[in-house]
């Protein structure tokens, strides 16, 4: 199962961490893993490269994490979009993706 943990501060998203495998299909053919991986990569790239916002992005040991030092601008909007997208994927493919939002 993929685990996506979003962090929020005072009700505004400020980061995420995604890890695991969906287990929907064999490696290389898992459309859930592909959808999540692509969305997470797009979010991190939009925040850091296209919008030029400072963010701490780390990828290691089957986990990618992104933390915004400020809760302003387009970075928050990208995180909201990523959360909404992952919720849709989770609804369409039950049991493959666990999403939580925690206050930091």
N, C-alpha and C. Protein backbone atom coordinates (compact mmCIF):
# COMPACT_ATOMS: atom_id res chain seq x y z
N UNK A 1 0.83 -1.17 0.00
CA UNK A 1 0.00 0.00 0.00
C UNK A 1 0.88 1.25 0.00
N UNK A 2 0.46 2.25 -0.75
CA UNK A 2 1.14 3.54 -0.74
C UNK A 2 0.60 4.34 0.43
N UNK A 3 1.50 5.00 1.14
CA UNK A 3 1.10 5.87 2.25
C UNK A 3 1.50 7.30 1.92
N UNK A 4 0.51 8.17 1.91
CA UNK A 4 0.75 9.59 1.68
C UNK A 4 0.35 10.35 2.94
N UNK A 5 1.32 11.03 3.52
CA UNK A 5 1.07 11.80 4.73
C UNK A 5 1.28 13.27 4.39
N UNK A 6 0.24 14.05 4.56
CA UNK A 6 0.33 15.49 4.32
C UNK A 6 0.40 16.18 5.68
N UNK A 7 1.22 17.23 5.74
CA UNK A 7 1.34 18.02 6.96
C UNK A 7 0.65 19.36 6.71
N UNK A 8 0.01 19.84 7.76
CA UNK A 8 -0.59 21.16 7.68
C UNK A 8 -0.28 21.94 8.95
N UNK A 9 -0.27 23.24 8.81
CA UNK A 9 -0.02 24.13 9.93
C UNK A 9 -1.12 25.19 9.89
N UNK A 10 -1.90 25.26 10.97
CA UNK A 10 -3.04 26.19 11.03
C UNK A 10 -3.98 26.02 9.86
N UNK A 11 -4.23 24.76 9.47
CA UNK A 11 -5.18 24.47 8.41
C UNK A 11 -4.66 24.61 7.00
N UNK A 12 -3.40 25.01 6.82
CA UNK A 12 -2.82 25.14 5.49
C UNK A 12 -1.78 24.05 5.28
N UNK A 13 -1.83 23.40 4.12
CA UNK A 13 -0.85 22.36 3.83
C UNK A 13 0.54 22.97 3.73
N UNK A 14 1.52 22.22 4.25
CA UNK A 14 2.90 22.72 4.23
C UNK A 14 3.90 21.63 3.82
N UNK A 15 3.43 20.43 3.53
CA UNK A 15 4.36 19.39 3.09
C UNK A 15 3.68 18.05 2.93
N UNK A 16 4.44 17.09 2.42
CA UNK A 16 3.95 15.72 2.25
C UNK A 16 5.11 14.75 2.25
N UNK A 17 4.77 13.50 2.49
CA UNK A 17 5.70 12.38 2.38
C UNK A 17 4.91 11.22 1.77
N UNK A 18 5.48 10.59 0.75
CA UNK A 18 4.82 9.47 0.07
C UNK A 18 5.79 8.31 0.01
N UNK A 19 5.31 7.12 0.39
CA UNK A 19 6.17 5.94 0.36
C UNK A 19 5.34 4.70 0.09
N UNK A 20 6.03 3.63 -0.27
CA UNK A 20 5.38 2.34 -0.44
C UNK A 20 5.05 2.01 -1.88
N UNK A 21 4.37 0.87 -2.04
CA UNK A 21 3.94 0.38 -3.35
C UNK A 21 2.46 0.04 -3.27
N UNK A 22 1.75 0.30 -4.34
CA UNK A 22 0.30 0.08 -4.36
C UNK A 22 -0.05 -1.41 -4.32
N UNK A 23 0.72 -2.23 -5.01
CA UNK A 23 0.40 -3.66 -5.06
C UNK A 23 -0.80 -3.96 -5.94
N UNK A 24 -1.13 -3.05 -6.82
CA UNK A 24 -2.28 -3.24 -7.71
C UNK A 24 -1.96 -4.22 -8.84
N UNK A 25 -0.70 -4.20 -9.29
CA UNK A 25 -0.24 -5.08 -10.37
C UNK A 25 1.24 -5.33 -10.18
N UNK A 26 1.80 -6.16 -11.04
CA UNK A 26 3.24 -6.43 -10.99
C UNK A 26 4.03 -5.16 -11.23
N UNK A 27 5.25 -5.15 -10.71
CA UNK A 27 6.15 -4.01 -10.92
C UNK A 27 6.29 -3.73 -12.41
N UNK A 28 6.22 -2.49 -12.77
CA UNK A 28 6.30 -2.09 -14.17
C UNK A 28 4.96 -2.04 -14.87
N UNK A 29 3.93 -2.59 -14.24
CA UNK A 29 2.59 -2.58 -14.84
C UNK A 29 1.55 -2.02 -13.87
N UNK A 30 2.00 -1.47 -12.77
CA UNK A 30 1.09 -0.99 -11.72
C UNK A 30 0.67 0.45 -12.04
N UNK A 31 -0.56 0.62 -12.53
CA UNK A 31 -1.02 1.94 -12.93
C UNK A 31 -1.25 2.87 -11.74
N UNK A 32 -1.50 2.32 -10.58
CA UNK A 32 -1.68 3.15 -9.39
C UNK A 32 -0.34 3.75 -8.99
N UNK A 33 0.70 2.92 -8.96
CA UNK A 33 2.04 3.43 -8.65
C UNK A 33 2.45 4.49 -9.66
N UNK A 34 2.15 4.24 -10.92
CA UNK A 34 2.52 5.20 -11.97
C UNK A 34 1.77 6.52 -11.77
N UNK A 35 0.50 6.46 -11.46
CA UNK A 35 -0.29 7.68 -11.26
C UNK A 35 0.23 8.48 -10.07
N UNK A 36 0.50 7.80 -8.98
CA UNK A 36 0.97 8.48 -7.78
C UNK A 36 2.37 9.04 -8.00
N UNK A 37 3.27 8.23 -8.56
CA UNK A 37 4.64 8.67 -8.80
C UNK A 37 4.68 9.90 -9.70
N UNK A 38 3.91 9.86 -10.75
CA UNK A 38 3.88 10.98 -11.69
C UNK A 38 3.34 12.25 -11.03
N UNK A 39 2.28 12.12 -10.27
CA UNK A 39 1.68 13.28 -9.61
C UNK A 39 2.63 13.88 -8.57
N UNK A 40 3.30 13.03 -7.82
CA UNK A 40 4.23 13.51 -6.79
C UNK A 40 5.42 14.21 -7.44
N UNK A 41 5.95 13.63 -8.50
CA UNK A 41 7.08 14.25 -9.20
C UNK A 41 6.66 15.58 -9.81
N UNK A 42 5.48 15.63 -10.40
CA UNK A 42 4.98 16.87 -10.97
C UNK A 42 4.85 17.94 -9.89
N UNK A 43 4.28 17.58 -8.75
CA UNK A 43 4.11 18.55 -7.66
C UNK A 43 5.45 19.11 -7.19
N UNK A 44 6.41 18.24 -6.94
CA UNK A 44 7.72 18.69 -6.48
C UNK A 44 8.41 19.58 -7.51
N UNK A 45 8.31 19.20 -8.78
CA UNK A 45 8.92 19.99 -9.84
C UNK A 45 8.23 21.34 -10.03
N UNK A 46 6.92 21.36 -9.97
CA UNK A 46 6.21 22.63 -10.09
C UNK A 46 6.62 23.60 -8.99
N UNK A 47 6.66 23.10 -7.77
CA UNK A 47 6.99 23.95 -6.64
C UNK A 47 8.39 24.53 -6.77
N UNK A 48 9.36 23.67 -7.06
CA UNK A 48 10.76 24.11 -7.03
C UNK A 48 11.25 24.71 -8.33
N UNK A 49 10.82 24.18 -9.45
CA UNK A 49 11.38 24.63 -10.72
C UNK A 49 10.49 25.65 -11.43
N UNK A 50 9.22 25.39 -11.53
CA UNK A 50 8.35 26.28 -12.28
C UNK A 50 7.95 27.52 -11.48
N UNK A 51 7.69 27.35 -10.19
CA UNK A 51 7.29 28.48 -9.37
C UNK A 51 8.46 29.07 -8.61
N UNK A 52 9.60 28.39 -8.64
CA UNK A 52 10.81 28.90 -8.02
C UNK A 52 10.73 29.09 -6.51
N UNK A 53 9.87 28.33 -5.87
CA UNK A 53 9.75 28.46 -4.42
C UNK A 53 10.80 27.60 -3.73
N UNK A 54 11.23 28.06 -2.60
CA UNK A 54 12.17 27.29 -1.80
C UNK A 54 11.40 26.17 -1.11
N UNK A 55 11.88 24.97 -1.28
CA UNK A 55 11.26 23.81 -0.63
C UNK A 55 12.34 22.78 -0.35
N UNK A 56 12.15 22.03 0.70
CA UNK A 56 13.06 20.94 1.02
C UNK A 56 12.46 19.68 0.41
N UNK A 57 13.09 19.17 -0.65
CA UNK A 57 12.61 17.97 -1.33
C UNK A 57 13.66 16.88 -1.15
N UNK A 58 13.22 15.73 -0.65
CA UNK A 58 14.13 14.60 -0.41
C UNK A 58 13.53 13.34 -1.02
N UNK A 59 14.37 12.57 -1.67
CA UNK A 59 13.96 11.28 -2.23
C UNK A 59 15.00 10.25 -1.81
N UNK A 60 14.56 9.27 -1.03
CA UNK A 60 15.47 8.20 -0.60
C UNK A 60 14.67 7.02 -0.08
N UNK A 61 15.22 5.85 -0.28
CA UNK A 61 14.63 4.61 0.25
C UNK A 61 13.13 4.51 0.02
N UNK A 62 12.70 4.66 -1.24
CA UNK A 62 11.29 4.49 -1.60
C UNK A 62 10.37 5.52 -0.95
N UNK A 63 10.92 6.67 -0.59
CA UNK A 63 10.13 7.75 0.01
C UNK A 63 10.52 9.07 -0.64
N UNK A 64 9.52 9.86 -0.95
CA UNK A 64 9.78 11.24 -1.37
C UNK A 64 9.02 12.15 -0.44
N UNK A 65 9.69 13.21 -0.03
CA UNK A 65 9.09 14.16 0.90
C UNK A 65 9.37 15.57 0.42
N UNK A 66 8.43 16.45 0.69
CA UNK A 66 8.57 17.85 0.30
C UNK A 66 7.99 18.70 1.42
N UNK A 67 8.76 19.70 1.85
CA UNK A 67 8.31 20.59 2.91
C UNK A 67 8.50 22.03 2.45
N UNK A 68 7.44 22.81 2.59
CA UNK A 68 7.50 24.23 2.26
C UNK A 68 7.88 25.01 3.51
N UNK A 69 8.87 25.88 3.44
CA UNK A 69 9.23 26.66 4.62
C UNK A 69 8.22 27.77 4.90
N UNK A 70 7.48 28.18 3.86
CA UNK A 70 6.46 29.20 4.02
C UNK A 70 5.15 28.67 3.47
N UNK A 71 4.06 29.06 4.09
CA UNK A 71 2.75 28.61 3.63
C UNK A 71 2.08 29.70 2.82
N UNK A 72 2.68 30.05 1.73
CA UNK A 72 2.13 31.08 0.88
C UNK A 72 2.43 30.75 -0.57
N UNK A 73 1.76 31.42 -1.45
CA UNK A 73 2.07 31.28 -2.86
C UNK A 73 1.53 30.02 -3.48
N UNK A 74 2.11 29.71 -4.62
CA UNK A 74 1.63 28.59 -5.43
C UNK A 74 1.94 27.23 -4.83
N UNK A 75 2.95 27.14 -3.97
CA UNK A 75 3.30 25.86 -3.37
C UNK A 75 2.14 25.23 -2.62
N UNK A 76 1.41 26.03 -1.86
CA UNK A 76 0.26 25.53 -1.11
C UNK A 76 -0.81 25.05 -2.08
N UNK A 77 -1.02 25.78 -3.15
CA UNK A 77 -2.02 25.37 -4.14
C UNK A 77 -1.64 24.04 -4.79
N UNK A 78 -0.36 23.87 -5.06
CA UNK A 78 0.10 22.61 -5.65
C UNK A 78 -0.15 21.46 -4.67
N UNK A 79 0.14 21.67 -3.39
CA UNK A 79 -0.10 20.62 -2.39
C UNK A 79 -1.58 20.29 -2.29
N UNK A 80 -2.43 21.30 -2.35
CA UNK A 80 -3.88 21.05 -2.32
C UNK A 80 -4.31 20.24 -3.53
N UNK A 81 -3.75 20.56 -4.69
CA UNK A 81 -4.06 19.81 -5.91
C UNK A 81 -3.58 18.37 -5.83
N UNK A 82 -2.38 18.17 -5.28
CA UNK A 82 -1.85 16.82 -5.13
C UNK A 82 -2.73 16.01 -4.19
N UNK A 83 -3.13 16.59 -3.08
CA UNK A 83 -4.01 15.88 -2.13
C UNK A 83 -5.31 15.49 -2.81
N UNK A 84 -5.92 16.42 -3.54
CA UNK A 84 -7.18 16.12 -4.23
C UNK A 84 -7.00 15.01 -5.25
N UNK A 85 -5.91 15.05 -5.99
CA UNK A 85 -5.64 14.02 -7.00
C UNK A 85 -5.47 12.64 -6.35
N UNK A 86 -4.68 12.60 -5.28
CA UNK A 86 -4.46 11.31 -4.61
C UNK A 86 -5.75 10.78 -3.99
N UNK A 87 -6.61 11.66 -3.51
CA UNK A 87 -7.91 11.20 -2.98
C UNK A 87 -8.74 10.57 -4.08
N UNK A 88 -8.71 11.14 -5.28
CA UNK A 88 -9.43 10.55 -6.41
C UNK A 88 -8.87 9.18 -6.78
N UNK A 89 -7.55 9.06 -6.80
CA UNK A 89 -6.92 7.77 -7.11
C UNK A 89 -7.32 6.74 -6.05
N UNK A 90 -7.31 7.15 -4.80
CA UNK A 90 -7.67 6.25 -3.70
C UNK A 90 -9.11 5.76 -3.82
N UNK A 91 -10.00 6.65 -4.23
CA UNK A 91 -11.42 6.26 -4.39
C UNK A 91 -11.60 5.31 -5.57
N UNK A 92 -10.83 5.54 -6.63
CA UNK A 92 -10.97 4.69 -7.81
C UNK A 92 -10.32 3.32 -7.62
N UNK A 93 -9.28 3.26 -6.81
CA UNK A 93 -8.55 2.00 -6.59
C UNK A 93 -8.45 1.74 -5.08
N UNK A 94 -9.55 1.35 -4.46
CA UNK A 94 -9.57 1.16 -2.99
C UNK A 94 -8.52 0.15 -2.53
N UNK A 95 -7.96 0.43 -1.36
CA UNK A 95 -7.00 -0.49 -0.76
C UNK A 95 -5.59 -0.35 -1.27
N UNK A 96 -5.34 0.62 -2.14
CA UNK A 96 -4.00 0.78 -2.70
C UNK A 96 -3.27 1.99 -2.15
N UNK A 97 -4.02 2.91 -1.56
CA UNK A 97 -3.45 4.19 -1.15
C UNK A 97 -4.10 4.65 0.15
N UNK A 98 -3.27 4.93 1.13
CA UNK A 98 -3.75 5.45 2.42
C UNK A 98 -3.28 6.89 2.55
N UNK A 99 -4.20 7.79 2.80
CA UNK A 99 -3.88 9.21 2.89
C UNK A 99 -4.24 9.72 4.27
N UNK A 100 -3.33 10.50 4.85
CA UNK A 100 -3.63 11.13 6.13
C UNK A 100 -3.12 12.56 6.10
N UNK A 101 -3.74 13.40 6.92
CA UNK A 101 -3.34 14.79 7.07
C UNK A 101 -3.13 15.03 8.55
N UNK A 102 -1.94 15.51 8.90
CA UNK A 102 -1.64 15.74 10.31
C UNK A 102 -1.19 17.16 10.54
N UNK A 103 -1.53 17.69 11.68
CA UNK A 103 -1.15 19.04 12.06
C UNK A 103 0.28 19.02 12.61
N UNK A 104 1.08 19.98 12.19
CA UNK A 104 2.46 20.08 12.71
C UNK A 104 2.66 21.40 13.41
